[in-house]
Amino acid sequence: MIKLFTQNGLLIALILALASSTGIAQTTQKGQFLAGGSIGFASISSDDAPSSTVIQLAPGVGIMATDRLGLGADLLYVRESSDNITYTAYGFSPFVRYYIYKGLFPQFQYTWLNIKEKGGFFDDSRSDSGYEISVGYTSFLSPSVALEPSVFYMSFDDENIIGLRVAFRIFLGGGE
């Protein structure tokens, strides 16, 4: 099954560097439009199963409902391939986040996926859902462009996954 985002030490170093930086003094303001998304890659190996490669793309949009509360949704594309089986998933994932201190935010997402499995002796298709809780930091590179490293916990398809991710966001408009 699809195992999203187990990253390496380089990503951990990037997250720690970004989270400890002050960034450009910027706030999230009511009415700002958020656009961007995340990309991920993982190589998974196990003694019990063949190794696999996972790629995830998650473009998304959102709006700041208040100065600290953001609402939005991501579209998901996930592909995992191993020796003879390929999983492809398309999904929709609404999210809510709240900035608790400067750029630090917790985020909650609920995800619906349509998963197609090809390979072996059969092809299969199914739908599934799960949730994700993450903690991230918005590090502004300019007044409207930010990188957002985060750590997440995901419960999906009877699996519990902990991982790291980096997203790119553009904050447009807002203010009075």
N, C-alpha and C. Protein backbone atom coordinates (compact mmCIF):
# COMPACT_ATOMS: atom_id res chain seq x y z
N MET A 1 0.82 -1.19 0.00
CA MET A 1 0.00 0.00 0.00
C MET A 1 0.87 1.25 0.00
N ILE A 2 0.30 2.34 -0.32
CA ILE A 2 1.03 3.59 -0.44
C ILE A 2 1.52 4.06 0.93
N LYS A 3 2.81 4.25 1.05
CA LYS A 3 3.40 4.78 2.28
C LYS A 3 4.00 6.13 1.93
N LEU A 4 3.38 7.19 2.41
CA LEU A 4 3.78 8.52 2.02
C LEU A 4 4.92 9.04 2.88
N PHE A 5 5.93 9.57 2.24
CA PHE A 5 6.91 10.45 2.82
C PHE A 5 7.73 10.00 3.99
N THR A 6 8.62 9.12 3.80
CA THR A 6 9.69 8.94 4.77
C THR A 6 10.90 9.58 4.11
N GLN A 7 11.40 10.66 4.66
CA GLN A 7 12.46 11.44 4.03
C GLN A 7 13.79 11.18 4.68
N ASN A 8 14.85 11.74 4.11
CA ASN A 8 16.20 11.51 4.61
C ASN A 8 16.71 12.66 5.46
N GLY A 9 17.97 12.56 5.91
CA GLY A 9 18.56 13.56 6.80
C GLY A 9 18.68 14.94 6.20
N LEU A 10 18.82 15.04 4.86
CA LEU A 10 18.93 16.34 4.22
C LEU A 10 17.65 17.16 4.44
N LEU A 11 16.51 16.54 4.32
CA LEU A 11 15.24 17.23 4.55
C LEU A 11 15.11 17.66 6.00
N ILE A 12 15.55 16.83 6.93
CA ILE A 12 15.51 17.19 8.35
C ILE A 12 16.37 18.42 8.59
N ALA A 13 17.54 18.46 8.01
CA ALA A 13 18.42 19.62 8.17
C ALA A 13 17.78 20.87 7.59
N LEU A 14 17.12 20.77 6.44
CA LEU A 14 16.43 21.90 5.82
C LEU A 14 15.32 22.41 6.72
N ILE A 15 14.53 21.52 7.27
CA ILE A 15 13.44 21.92 8.16
C ILE A 15 13.97 22.63 9.40
N LEU A 16 15.00 22.10 10.00
CA LEU A 16 15.57 22.73 11.19
C LEU A 16 16.15 24.10 10.87
N ALA A 17 16.79 24.23 9.72
CA ALA A 17 17.36 25.53 9.34
C ALA A 17 16.26 26.55 9.10
N LEU A 18 15.21 26.16 8.40
CA LEU A 18 14.12 27.09 8.12
C LEU A 18 13.35 27.45 9.38
N ALA A 19 13.11 26.48 10.23
CA ALA A 19 12.34 26.74 11.45
C ALA A 19 13.10 27.64 12.41
N SER A 20 14.42 27.58 12.38
CA SER A 20 15.19 28.41 13.29
C SER A 20 15.48 29.79 12.72
N SER A 21 15.22 30.00 11.43
CA SER A 21 15.46 31.32 10.84
C SER A 21 14.32 32.26 11.19
N THR A 22 14.62 33.54 11.18
CA THR A 22 13.58 34.52 11.50
C THR A 22 12.72 34.82 10.29
N GLY A 23 13.24 34.63 9.09
CA GLY A 23 12.48 34.94 7.91
C GLY A 23 12.24 36.44 7.82
N ILE A 24 11.50 36.87 6.84
CA ILE A 24 11.13 38.27 6.72
C ILE A 24 9.90 38.50 7.58
N ALA A 25 9.90 39.57 8.34
CA ALA A 25 8.76 39.85 9.22
C ALA A 25 7.50 39.97 8.36
N GLN A 26 6.61 39.05 8.49
CA GLN A 26 5.40 39.01 7.68
C GLN A 26 4.32 38.36 8.52
N THR A 27 3.13 38.80 8.35
CA THR A 27 2.02 38.18 9.06
C THR A 27 1.04 37.61 8.06
N THR A 28 0.24 36.72 8.52
CA THR A 28 -0.85 36.21 7.72
C THR A 28 -2.07 37.07 8.06
N GLN A 29 -2.74 37.56 7.05
CA GLN A 29 -3.83 38.51 7.26
C GLN A 29 -5.14 37.99 6.68
N LYS A 30 -6.21 38.38 7.34
CA LYS A 30 -7.55 38.02 6.87
C LYS A 30 -7.71 38.44 5.41
N GLY A 31 -8.26 37.53 4.61
CA GLY A 31 -8.52 37.80 3.21
C GLY A 31 -7.39 37.44 2.27
N GLN A 32 -6.21 37.09 2.79
CA GLN A 32 -5.12 36.69 1.91
C GLN A 32 -5.47 35.38 1.22
N PHE A 33 -5.12 35.31 -0.03
CA PHE A 33 -5.29 34.11 -0.84
C PHE A 33 -3.98 33.33 -0.81
N LEU A 34 -4.05 32.02 -0.58
CA LEU A 34 -2.87 31.16 -0.54
C LEU A 34 -2.88 30.26 -1.77
N ALA A 35 -1.76 30.18 -2.45
CA ALA A 35 -1.63 29.26 -3.58
C ALA A 35 -0.27 28.60 -3.49
N GLY A 36 -0.19 27.37 -3.89
CA GLY A 36 1.09 26.66 -3.86
C GLY A 36 0.88 25.18 -3.76
N GLY A 37 1.73 24.52 -3.01
CA GLY A 37 1.59 23.09 -2.84
C GLY A 37 2.89 22.46 -2.41
N SER A 38 2.87 21.14 -2.37
CA SER A 38 4.06 20.40 -1.94
C SER A 38 4.37 19.30 -2.94
N ILE A 39 5.61 18.87 -2.88
CA ILE A 39 6.06 17.76 -3.70
C ILE A 39 6.87 16.86 -2.77
N GLY A 40 6.77 15.59 -2.98
CA GLY A 40 7.50 14.67 -2.11
C GLY A 40 8.02 13.48 -2.88
N PHE A 41 9.06 12.90 -2.35
CA PHE A 41 9.68 11.72 -2.92
C PHE A 41 10.15 10.84 -1.78
N ALA A 42 9.96 9.55 -1.92
CA ALA A 42 10.46 8.62 -0.91
C ALA A 42 10.90 7.33 -1.58
N SER A 43 11.92 6.74 -1.01
CA SER A 43 12.35 5.42 -1.42
C SER A 43 12.19 4.54 -0.19
N ILE A 44 11.38 3.51 -0.29
CA ILE A 44 11.04 2.67 0.86
C ILE A 44 11.64 1.29 0.66
N SER A 45 12.35 0.83 1.68
CA SER A 45 12.87 -0.53 1.62
C SER A 45 12.55 -1.23 2.93
N SER A 46 12.35 -2.53 2.82
CA SER A 46 11.98 -3.33 3.97
C SER A 46 12.51 -4.74 3.78
N ASP A 47 12.76 -5.42 4.88
CA ASP A 47 13.19 -6.81 4.78
C ASP A 47 12.05 -7.71 4.33
N ASP A 48 10.80 -7.29 4.60
CA ASP A 48 9.63 -8.12 4.32
C ASP A 48 9.00 -7.89 2.95
N ALA A 49 9.37 -6.81 2.25
CA ALA A 49 8.71 -6.48 0.99
C ALA A 49 9.74 -5.90 0.02
N PRO A 50 9.41 -5.94 -1.29
CA PRO A 50 10.34 -5.34 -2.25
C PRO A 50 10.40 -3.83 -2.05
N SER A 51 11.52 -3.22 -2.42
CA SER A 51 11.66 -1.77 -2.27
C SER A 51 10.71 -1.08 -3.25
N SER A 52 10.32 0.15 -2.90
CA SER A 52 9.42 0.90 -3.75
C SER A 52 9.80 2.38 -3.76
N THR A 53 9.31 3.07 -4.76
CA THR A 53 9.53 4.50 -4.92
C THR A 53 8.18 5.19 -4.88
N VAL A 54 8.08 6.31 -4.13
CA VAL A 54 6.83 7.04 -3.99
C VAL A 54 7.06 8.49 -4.42
N ILE A 55 6.15 9.00 -5.23
CA ILE A 55 6.15 10.41 -5.63
C ILE A 55 4.78 10.97 -5.31
N GLN A 56 4.73 12.17 -4.68
CA GLN A 56 3.46 12.82 -4.39
C GLN A 56 3.53 14.27 -4.85
N LEU A 57 2.48 14.71 -5.52
CA LEU A 57 2.28 16.11 -5.88
C LEU A 57 0.98 16.55 -5.23
N ALA A 58 1.00 17.73 -4.60
CA ALA A 58 -0.20 18.21 -3.91
C ALA A 58 -0.36 19.72 -4.10
N PRO A 59 -0.84 20.16 -5.28
CA PRO A 59 -1.13 21.59 -5.43
C PRO A 59 -2.35 21.96 -4.61
N GLY A 60 -2.39 23.20 -4.11
CA GLY A 60 -3.53 23.59 -3.28
C GLY A 60 -3.77 25.08 -3.26
N VAL A 61 -4.95 25.45 -2.78
CA VAL A 61 -5.34 26.84 -2.63
C VAL A 61 -6.02 27.00 -1.27
N GLY A 62 -6.07 28.23 -0.80
CA GLY A 62 -6.73 28.50 0.46
C GLY A 62 -6.96 29.99 0.65
N ILE A 63 -7.58 30.32 1.76
CA ILE A 63 -7.83 31.71 2.11
C ILE A 63 -7.69 31.86 3.63
N MET A 64 -7.19 33.00 4.04
CA MET A 64 -7.11 33.30 5.46
C MET A 64 -8.47 33.84 5.89
N ALA A 65 -9.22 33.05 6.66
CA ALA A 65 -10.56 33.44 7.11
C ALA A 65 -10.47 34.52 8.19
N THR A 66 -9.42 34.48 9.00
CA THR A 66 -9.11 35.52 9.99
C THR A 66 -7.61 35.76 9.88
N ASP A 67 -7.07 36.64 10.73
CA ASP A 67 -5.62 36.90 10.68
C ASP A 67 -4.79 35.66 10.99
N ARG A 68 -5.34 34.67 11.65
CA ARG A 68 -4.58 33.48 12.02
C ARG A 68 -5.15 32.17 11.48
N LEU A 69 -6.39 32.14 11.05
CA LEU A 69 -7.07 30.91 10.63
C LEU A 69 -7.10 30.79 9.11
N GLY A 70 -6.51 29.72 8.59
CA GLY A 70 -6.50 29.47 7.15
C GLY A 70 -7.32 28.24 6.81
N LEU A 71 -8.09 28.33 5.72
CA LEU A 71 -8.91 27.23 5.22
C LEU A 71 -8.55 26.99 3.76
N GLY A 72 -8.52 25.73 3.33
CA GLY A 72 -8.19 25.47 1.95
C GLY A 72 -8.32 24.01 1.60
N ALA A 73 -7.77 23.64 0.44
CA ALA A 73 -7.83 22.26 -0.02
C ALA A 73 -6.68 21.98 -0.97
N ASP A 74 -6.19 20.75 -0.93
CA ASP A 74 -5.16 20.27 -1.84
C ASP A 74 -5.76 19.21 -2.75
N LEU A 75 -5.28 19.15 -3.97
CA LEU A 75 -5.55 18.02 -4.87
C LEU A 75 -4.32 17.14 -4.79
N LEU A 76 -4.50 15.84 -4.74
CA LEU A 76 -3.37 14.94 -4.54
C LEU A 76 -3.18 14.01 -5.73
N TYR A 77 -1.92 13.77 -6.04
CA TYR A 77 -1.53 12.73 -6.98
C TYR A 77 -0.40 11.97 -6.31
N VAL A 78 -0.56 10.68 -6.14
CA VAL A 78 0.45 9.84 -5.50
C VAL A 78 0.69 8.63 -6.39
N ARG A 79 1.96 8.31 -6.58
CA ARG A 79 2.32 7.13 -7.37
C ARG A 79 3.40 6.37 -6.62
N GLU A 80 3.14 5.08 -6.39
CA GLU A 80 4.11 4.20 -5.76
C GLU A 80 4.35 3.03 -6.69
N SER A 81 5.61 2.74 -6.94
CA SER A 81 5.92 1.59 -7.80
C SER A 81 6.99 0.74 -7.15
N SER A 82 6.81 -0.56 -7.30
CA SER A 82 7.80 -1.51 -6.83
C SER A 82 8.09 -2.47 -7.98
N ASP A 83 8.63 -3.62 -7.68
CA ASP A 83 9.05 -4.55 -8.73
C ASP A 83 7.98 -4.81 -9.79
N ASN A 84 6.78 -5.18 -9.37
CA ASN A 84 5.76 -5.54 -10.36
C ASN A 84 4.39 -4.95 -10.05
N ILE A 85 4.28 -4.04 -9.09
CA ILE A 85 2.98 -3.44 -8.75
C ILE A 85 3.12 -1.93 -8.73
N THR A 86 2.11 -1.25 -9.29
CA THR A 86 2.07 0.21 -9.28
C THR A 86 0.75 0.66 -8.69
N TYR A 87 0.83 1.55 -7.70
CA TYR A 87 -0.36 2.18 -7.13
C TYR A 87 -0.40 3.62 -7.62
N THR A 88 -1.54 4.04 -8.10
CA THR A 88 -1.76 5.43 -8.48
C THR A 88 -2.99 5.91 -7.75
N ALA A 89 -2.87 7.06 -7.09
CA ALA A 89 -3.99 7.59 -6.32
C ALA A 89 -4.21 9.05 -6.66
N TYR A 90 -5.50 9.41 -6.76
CA TYR A 90 -5.92 10.80 -6.94
C TYR A 90 -6.83 11.13 -5.77
N GLY A 91 -6.69 12.33 -5.23
CA GLY A 91 -7.50 12.64 -4.08
C GLY A 91 -7.76 14.11 -3.88
N PHE A 92 -8.58 14.36 -2.86
CA PHE A 92 -8.99 15.70 -2.45
C PHE A 92 -8.81 15.79 -0.94
N SER A 93 -8.21 16.89 -0.47
CA SER A 93 -7.89 16.99 0.94
C SER A 93 -8.12 18.40 1.48
N PRO A 94 -9.31 18.68 2.05
CA PRO A 94 -9.51 19.99 2.68
C PRO A 94 -8.68 20.10 3.96
N PHE A 95 -8.26 21.33 4.28
CA PHE A 95 -7.45 21.54 5.48
C PHE A 95 -7.87 22.80 6.23
N VAL A 96 -7.52 22.80 7.51
CA VAL A 96 -7.67 23.98 8.36
C VAL A 96 -6.36 24.11 9.15
N ARG A 97 -5.85 25.34 9.22
CA ARG A 97 -4.63 25.60 9.98
C ARG A 97 -4.82 26.86 10.81
N TYR A 98 -4.06 26.92 11.92
CA TYR A 98 -4.16 28.08 12.80
C TYR A 98 -2.76 28.49 13.23
N TYR A 99 -2.39 29.73 12.94
CA TYR A 99 -1.07 30.24 13.33
C TYR A 99 -1.09 30.59 14.81
N ILE A 100 -0.31 29.84 15.61
CA ILE A 100 -0.35 30.05 17.06
C ILE A 100 0.73 31.02 17.53
N TYR A 101 1.85 31.10 16.82
CA TYR A 101 2.91 32.03 17.20
C TYR A 101 3.76 32.30 15.97
N LYS A 102 3.81 33.56 15.56
CA LYS A 102 4.54 33.95 14.36
C LYS A 102 4.19 33.00 13.22
N GLY A 103 5.16 32.25 12.67
CA GLY A 103 4.88 31.36 11.55
C GLY A 103 4.54 29.93 11.92
N LEU A 104 4.47 29.62 13.23
CA LEU A 104 4.21 28.26 13.69
C LEU A 104 2.72 27.93 13.62
N PHE A 105 2.39 26.79 12.99
CA PHE A 105 0.98 26.41 12.85
C PHE A 105 0.77 24.91 12.99
N PRO A 106 -0.33 24.51 13.64
CA PRO A 106 -0.82 23.14 13.51
C PRO A 106 -1.81 23.13 12.34
N GLN A 107 -1.93 21.98 11.69
CA GLN A 107 -2.87 21.85 10.57
C GLN A 107 -3.55 20.50 10.64
N PHE A 108 -4.84 20.48 10.30
CA PHE A 108 -5.61 19.24 10.24
C PHE A 108 -6.13 19.09 8.82
N GLN A 109 -5.99 17.88 8.24
CA GLN A 109 -6.50 17.58 6.91
C GLN A 109 -7.28 16.28 6.94
N TYR A 110 -8.29 16.23 6.12
CA TYR A 110 -9.02 14.97 5.90
C TYR A 110 -8.90 14.66 4.41
N THR A 111 -8.56 13.44 4.06
CA THR A 111 -8.27 13.09 2.67
C THR A 111 -9.16 11.96 2.17
N TRP A 112 -9.66 12.14 0.95
CA TRP A 112 -10.36 11.08 0.22
C TRP A 112 -9.50 10.73 -0.98
N LEU A 113 -9.26 9.43 -1.20
CA LEU A 113 -8.44 8.97 -2.32
C LEU A 113 -9.15 7.92 -3.15
N ASN A 114 -8.93 7.95 -4.44
CA ASN A 114 -9.31 6.89 -5.35
C ASN A 114 -8.00 6.22 -5.76
N ILE A 115 -7.83 4.95 -5.40
CA ILE A 115 -6.57 4.24 -5.57
C ILE A 115 -6.73 3.15 -6.63
N LYS A 116 -5.79 3.12 -7.58
CA LYS A 116 -5.78 2.07 -8.60
C LYS A 116 -4.48 1.30 -8.47
N GLU A 117 -4.62 -0.02 -8.44
CA GLU A 117 -3.47 -0.91 -8.33
C GLU A 117 -3.36 -1.71 -9.62
N LYS A 118 -2.16 -1.71 -10.22
CA LYS A 118 -1.92 -2.47 -11.44
C LYS A 118 -0.68 -3.32 -11.25
N GLY A 119 -0.77 -4.54 -11.74
CA GLY A 119 0.40 -5.42 -11.68
C GLY A 119 0.05 -6.76 -11.11
N GLY A 120 1.04 -7.61 -11.09
CA GLY A 120 0.79 -8.95 -10.58
C GLY A 120 -0.22 -9.66 -11.47
N PHE A 121 -1.20 -10.32 -10.85
CA PHE A 121 -2.19 -11.08 -11.61
C PHE A 121 -3.52 -10.35 -11.77
N PHE A 122 -3.64 -9.14 -11.21
CA PHE A 122 -4.93 -8.46 -11.25
C PHE A 122 -4.75 -6.94 -11.18
N ASP A 123 -5.82 -6.24 -11.57
CA ASP A 123 -5.92 -4.80 -11.39
C ASP A 123 -7.04 -4.55 -10.40
N ASP A 124 -6.88 -3.56 -9.54
CA ASP A 124 -7.87 -3.29 -8.51
C ASP A 124 -8.07 -1.78 -8.40
N SER A 125 -9.27 -1.40 -8.00
CA SER A 125 -9.58 0.01 -7.77
C SER A 125 -10.44 0.11 -6.53
N ARG A 126 -10.13 1.11 -5.70
CA ARG A 126 -10.91 1.29 -4.47
C ARG A 126 -10.82 2.74 -4.02
N SER A 127 -11.69 3.11 -3.12
CA SER A 127 -11.66 4.43 -2.50
C SER A 127 -11.34 4.27 -1.02
N ASP A 128 -10.69 5.27 -0.46
CA ASP A 128 -10.35 5.23 0.95
C ASP A 128 -10.24 6.64 1.47
N SER A 129 -10.18 6.78 2.79
CA SER A 129 -10.04 8.09 3.39
C SER A 129 -9.19 7.98 4.65
N GLY A 130 -8.69 9.12 5.10
CA GLY A 130 -7.88 9.16 6.30
C GLY A 130 -7.68 10.59 6.73
N TYR A 131 -6.94 10.78 7.82
CA TYR A 131 -6.70 12.13 8.30
C TYR A 131 -5.22 12.33 8.58
N GLU A 132 -4.85 13.60 8.66
CA GLU A 132 -3.47 13.97 8.92
C GLU A 132 -3.44 15.15 9.88
N ILE A 133 -2.55 15.08 10.83
CA ILE A 133 -2.30 16.19 11.74
C ILE A 133 -0.83 16.57 11.57
N SER A 134 -0.56 17.86 11.38
CA SER A 134 0.82 18.28 11.18
C SER A 134 1.12 19.55 11.95
N VAL A 135 2.41 19.79 12.15
CA VAL A 135 2.90 21.03 12.74
C VAL A 135 3.95 21.56 11.79
N GLY A 136 3.79 22.83 11.39
CA GLY A 136 4.71 23.39 10.43
C GLY A 136 5.09 24.81 10.77
N TYR A 137 5.94 25.37 9.92
CA TYR A 137 6.42 26.73 10.12
C TYR A 137 6.45 27.42 8.77
N THR A 138 5.84 28.60 8.68
CA THR A 138 5.87 29.39 7.46
C THR A 138 7.07 30.33 7.54
N SER A 139 8.06 30.08 6.70
CA SER A 139 9.27 30.89 6.65
C SER A 139 9.22 31.74 5.37
N PHE A 140 8.96 33.04 5.55
CA PHE A 140 8.82 33.92 4.40
C PHE A 140 10.18 34.23 3.78
N LEU A 141 10.29 34.00 2.47
CA LEU A 141 11.49 34.32 1.72
C LEU A 141 11.41 35.74 1.16
N SER A 142 10.18 36.23 1.00
CA SER A 142 9.88 37.60 0.58
C SER A 142 8.56 37.95 1.25
N PRO A 143 8.03 39.16 1.08
CA PRO A 143 6.78 39.49 1.75
C PRO A 143 5.59 38.60 1.36
N SER A 144 5.66 37.90 0.23
CA SER A 144 4.52 37.07 -0.16
C SER A 144 4.86 35.63 -0.50
N VAL A 145 6.13 35.25 -0.49
CA VAL A 145 6.55 33.89 -0.87
C VAL A 145 7.15 33.19 0.35
N ALA A 146 6.72 31.95 0.58
CA ALA A 146 7.17 31.24 1.78
C ALA A 146 7.46 29.77 1.49
N LEU A 147 8.37 29.20 2.28
CA LEU A 147 8.57 27.76 2.36
C LEU A 147 7.96 27.31 3.67
N GLU A 148 7.33 26.14 3.66
CA GLU A 148 6.65 25.64 4.84
C GLU A 148 7.06 24.20 5.15
N PRO A 149 8.13 24.03 5.93
CA PRO A 149 8.47 22.68 6.38
C PRO A 149 7.48 22.23 7.45
N SER A 150 7.18 20.94 7.48
CA SER A 150 6.27 20.42 8.51
C SER A 150 6.58 18.97 8.83
N VAL A 151 6.16 18.57 10.01
CA VAL A 151 6.20 17.19 10.47
C VAL A 151 4.76 16.74 10.57
N PHE A 152 4.46 15.53 10.09
CA PHE A 152 3.06 15.10 10.11
C PHE A 152 2.89 13.68 10.64
N TYR A 153 1.68 13.43 11.12
CA TYR A 153 1.21 12.10 11.49
C TYR A 153 -0.03 11.83 10.65
N MET A 154 -0.05 10.70 9.97
CA MET A 154 -1.17 10.36 9.09
C MET A 154 -1.72 9.00 9.48
N SER A 155 -3.02 8.90 9.57
CA SER A 155 -3.69 7.62 9.79
C SER A 155 -4.52 7.36 8.55
N PHE A 156 -4.12 6.32 7.80
CA PHE A 156 -4.74 6.08 6.50
C PHE A 156 -4.66 4.61 6.15
N ASP A 157 -5.76 4.05 5.71
CA ASP A 157 -5.77 2.68 5.21
C ASP A 157 -5.13 1.72 6.22
N ASP A 158 -5.52 1.83 7.48
CA ASP A 158 -5.02 0.99 8.56
C ASP A 158 -3.52 1.11 8.79
N GLU A 159 -2.92 2.23 8.35
CA GLU A 159 -1.51 2.48 8.58
C GLU A 159 -1.34 3.79 9.32
N ASN A 160 -0.33 3.85 10.17
CA ASN A 160 0.03 5.08 10.85
C ASN A 160 1.39 5.49 10.33
N ILE A 161 1.48 6.70 9.78
CA ILE A 161 2.68 7.15 9.11
C ILE A 161 3.14 8.47 9.72
N ILE A 162 4.41 8.59 10.01
CA ILE A 162 5.00 9.83 10.47
C ILE A 162 5.98 10.26 9.39
N GLY A 163 5.95 11.54 9.02
CA GLY A 163 6.83 11.98 7.95
C GLY A 163 7.14 13.46 8.00
N LEU A 164 7.93 13.89 7.02
CA LEU A 164 8.35 15.27 6.86
C LEU A 164 7.97 15.74 5.47
N ARG A 165 7.71 17.04 5.34
CA ARG A 165 7.30 17.59 4.05
C ARG A 165 7.75 19.05 3.97
N VAL A 166 7.99 19.54 2.77
CA VAL A 166 8.25 20.95 2.54
C VAL A 166 7.28 21.42 1.47
N ALA A 167 6.57 22.51 1.76
CA ALA A 167 5.62 23.08 0.81
C ALA A 167 6.10 24.48 0.40
N PHE A 168 5.59 24.95 -0.70
CA PHE A 168 5.86 26.29 -1.22
C PHE A 168 4.52 27.02 -1.26
N ARG A 169 4.44 28.25 -0.75
CA ARG A 169 3.19 29.00 -0.74
C ARG A 169 3.43 30.44 -1.19
N ILE A 170 2.42 30.99 -1.82
CA ILE A 170 2.36 32.39 -2.16
C ILE A 170 1.15 32.97 -1.45
N PHE A 171 1.35 34.07 -0.72
CA PHE A 171 0.28 34.77 0.00
C PHE A 171 -0.02 36.05 -0.77
N LEU A 172 -1.24 36.21 -1.26
CA LEU A 172 -1.62 37.37 -2.06
C LEU A 172 -2.78 38.12 -1.44
N GLY A 173 -2.75 39.44 -1.55
CA GLY A 173 -3.86 40.27 -1.09
C GLY A 173 -3.93 40.35 0.42
N GLY A 174 -5.15 40.59 0.91
CA GLY A 174 -5.40 40.67 2.34
C GLY A 174 -5.18 42.07 2.87
N GLY A 175 -5.37 42.19 4.14
CA GLY A 175 -5.20 43.48 4.81
C GLY A 175 -6.41 44.36 4.62
N GLU A 176 -6.41 45.43 5.31
CA GLU A 176 -7.55 46.35 5.27
C GLU A 176 -7.20 47.55 4.44
